Protein backbone atom coordinates (compact mmCIF):
# COMPACT_ATOMS: atom_id res chain seq x y z
CA MET A 1 12.17 -27.04 -18.13
CA ALA A 2 12.14 -24.41 -15.37
CA GLU A 3 8.39 -23.94 -15.77
CA TYR A 4 7.84 -27.66 -15.31
CA ARG A 5 10.01 -27.60 -12.17
CA ASP A 6 7.97 -24.67 -10.79
CA LEU A 7 4.69 -26.47 -11.51
CA ALA A 8 5.99 -29.64 -9.87
CA GLN A 9 7.08 -27.71 -6.77
CA GLU A 10 3.67 -26.02 -6.54
CA LYS A 11 1.91 -29.38 -6.82
CA ALA A 12 4.19 -30.82 -4.11
CA LYS A 13 3.37 -27.90 -1.80
CA GLN A 14 -0.35 -28.46 -2.30
CA GLN A 15 -0.01 -32.17 -1.57
CA MET A 16 2.06 -31.44 1.54
CA MET A 17 -0.55 -29.01 2.86
CA ALA A 18 -3.30 -31.55 2.16
CA SER A 19 -1.35 -34.25 4.02
CA LEU A 20 -0.76 -31.97 7.03
CA HIS A 21 -4.47 -31.14 7.30
CA PRO A 22 -5.25 -33.82 9.92
CA LEU A 23 -2.35 -32.61 12.09
CA TYR A 24 -3.98 -29.22 12.52
CA GLU A 25 -7.37 -30.49 13.67
CA THR A 26 -6.68 -29.63 17.31
CA GLY A 27 -4.07 -26.91 16.92
CA ASP A 28 -3.95 -23.40 15.48
CA LYS A 29 -4.82 -24.59 12.00
CA ALA A 30 -6.05 -21.26 10.70
CA GLY A 31 -2.92 -19.38 11.77
CA LYS A 32 -0.57 -21.88 10.16
CA VAL A 33 -2.53 -22.08 6.93
CA LEU A 34 -2.83 -18.29 6.73
CA ALA A 35 0.91 -17.91 7.30
CA TRP A 36 1.57 -20.42 4.53
CA LEU A 37 -0.86 -18.64 2.21
CA GLY A 38 0.82 -15.30 2.98
CA ARG A 39 4.24 -16.66 2.06
CA ARG A 40 2.81 -18.19 -1.09
CA GLU A 41 1.17 -14.87 -2.07
CA GLN A 42 4.44 -13.04 -1.51
CA GLU A 43 6.29 -15.56 -3.68
CA SER A 44 3.71 -15.23 -6.46
CA GLN A 45 4.47 -11.51 -6.75
CA TRP A 46 8.14 -12.06 -7.58
CA VAL A 47 9.35 -11.44 -11.11
CA HIS A 48 10.76 -14.79 -12.19
CA SER A 49 11.85 -13.79 -15.69
CA LEU A 50 11.79 -10.87 -18.12
CA VAL A 51 12.34 -10.48 -21.84
CA ASP A 52 15.01 -7.92 -22.68
CA PRO A 53 14.66 -5.47 -25.61
CA VAL A 54 16.53 -7.87 -27.89
CA GLY A 55 14.05 -10.68 -27.13
CA ASN A 56 16.16 -12.87 -24.84
CA ARG A 57 14.49 -14.28 -21.74
CA CYS A 58 16.46 -13.32 -18.61
CA LYS A 59 15.99 -15.32 -15.40
CA THR A 60 18.78 -14.33 -13.03
CA ASP A 61 18.22 -11.63 -10.44
CA ALA A 62 21.11 -9.55 -11.77
CA GLN A 63 19.74 -9.60 -15.32
CA ILE A 64 16.22 -8.71 -14.15
CA VAL A 65 17.51 -5.80 -12.06
CA HIS A 66 19.57 -4.60 -15.03
CA ILE A 67 16.52 -4.68 -17.34
CA PHE A 68 14.40 -2.73 -14.82
CA ALA A 69 17.19 -0.18 -14.24
CA ARG A 70 17.72 0.38 -17.96
CA TYR A 71 13.97 0.71 -18.59
CA TYR A 72 13.41 3.31 -15.86
CA LYS A 73 16.59 5.20 -16.78
CA GLN A 74 15.28 5.54 -20.35
CA LEU A 75 11.79 6.39 -19.11
CA TYR A 76 12.90 9.25 -16.89
CA ALA A 77 15.47 10.53 -19.37
CA ALA A 78 12.86 10.82 -22.15
CA ARG A 79 11.92 14.33 -23.23
CA SER A 80 8.34 15.44 -23.12
CA LEU A 81 6.64 15.51 -26.52
CA CYS A 82 4.55 18.57 -25.70
CA ASP A 83 5.63 21.99 -24.56
CA SER A 84 4.19 24.03 -21.71
CA SER A 85 2.23 26.30 -24.06
CA MET A 86 0.14 23.31 -25.21
CA ILE A 87 -0.66 22.45 -21.59
CA THR A 88 -1.55 26.06 -20.79
CA THR A 89 -3.82 26.26 -23.84
CA TYR A 90 -5.60 23.05 -22.89
CA LEU A 91 -6.15 24.12 -19.29
CA ALA A 92 -7.37 27.56 -20.38
CA SER A 93 -10.01 26.04 -22.64
CA ASN A 94 -13.24 25.25 -20.84
CA HIS A 95 -13.18 21.43 -20.94
CA ASN A 96 -13.84 21.03 -17.24
CA PRO A 97 -17.43 20.86 -16.00
CA THR A 98 -18.54 23.70 -13.76
CA LEU A 99 -21.35 24.04 -11.26
CA GLY A 100 -24.27 26.31 -11.93
CA VAL A 101 -25.44 28.90 -9.44
CA GLU A 102 -28.30 26.69 -8.16
CA GLU A 103 -26.04 23.69 -7.68
CA TRP A 104 -23.48 25.83 -5.87
CA GLU A 105 -26.13 27.24 -3.54
CA THR A 106 -27.45 23.74 -2.80
CA LEU A 107 -23.98 22.58 -1.79
CA GLU A 108 -23.42 25.65 0.40
CA GLU A 109 -26.67 25.21 2.38
CA GLU A 110 -26.60 24.23 6.05
CA MET A 111 -27.01 20.50 6.71
CA MET A 112 -30.31 19.67 8.36
CA LEU A 113 -30.53 17.22 11.28
CA PRO A 114 -32.85 14.76 9.45
CA GLU A 115 -30.35 14.57 6.57
CA VAL A 116 -27.48 13.83 8.97
CA LEU A 117 -29.48 11.17 10.83
CA ALA A 118 -30.50 9.51 7.55
CA ALA A 119 -26.85 9.42 6.43
CA ILE A 120 -25.74 7.91 9.77
CA ALA A 121 -28.47 5.28 9.59
CA ILE A 122 -27.20 3.88 6.30
CA LEU A 123 -23.51 3.66 7.32
CA ASN A 124 -21.97 0.20 7.11
CA PRO A 125 -21.27 -1.27 10.55
CA GLY A 126 -17.62 -1.45 11.55
CA LYS A 127 -16.52 1.14 9.02
CA THR A 128 -15.24 4.63 9.69
CA PRO A 129 -17.00 7.25 7.59
CA GLY A 130 -14.13 9.72 7.50
CA PRO A 131 -10.40 10.22 7.83
CA ASN A 132 -10.67 10.85 11.60
CA CYS A 133 -11.23 7.07 12.21
CA ILE A 134 -14.26 7.62 14.46
CA PRO A 135 -16.43 4.51 14.11
CA ASP A 136 -20.06 4.85 13.08
CA GLU A 137 -21.22 3.22 16.35
CA LEU A 138 -20.20 6.41 18.16
CA PHE A 139 -22.59 8.45 16.01
CA LYS A 140 -25.44 5.96 16.36
């Protein structure tokens, strides 16, 4: 029954937005529609119901919070199934790829101006190529 009510409310919202469309022809239509879409997106991320470990569907906020709290309490209280010696053994084994001498030397070489210019030329406009937030237009 609650699912039907939610679907009916969603349908009513869509019809309301469609009926208000002509009112926004001369005004800030995009801003109002985007604000409405933002609220709708935020509402869609809410947890409306959860199934508890017994199998009962819980819909109240208090029940949902209780289920989440119990789940994370059990998750963080759980003991690890492996001991530190297993982790040390795994990390000591050579499963990780390594660079050869030639590859290492290639990476350590000085960058040449033509390489830098070629890299700058293929940058996407309006994007910053690094964490310093300097736009690519400054380099071009």
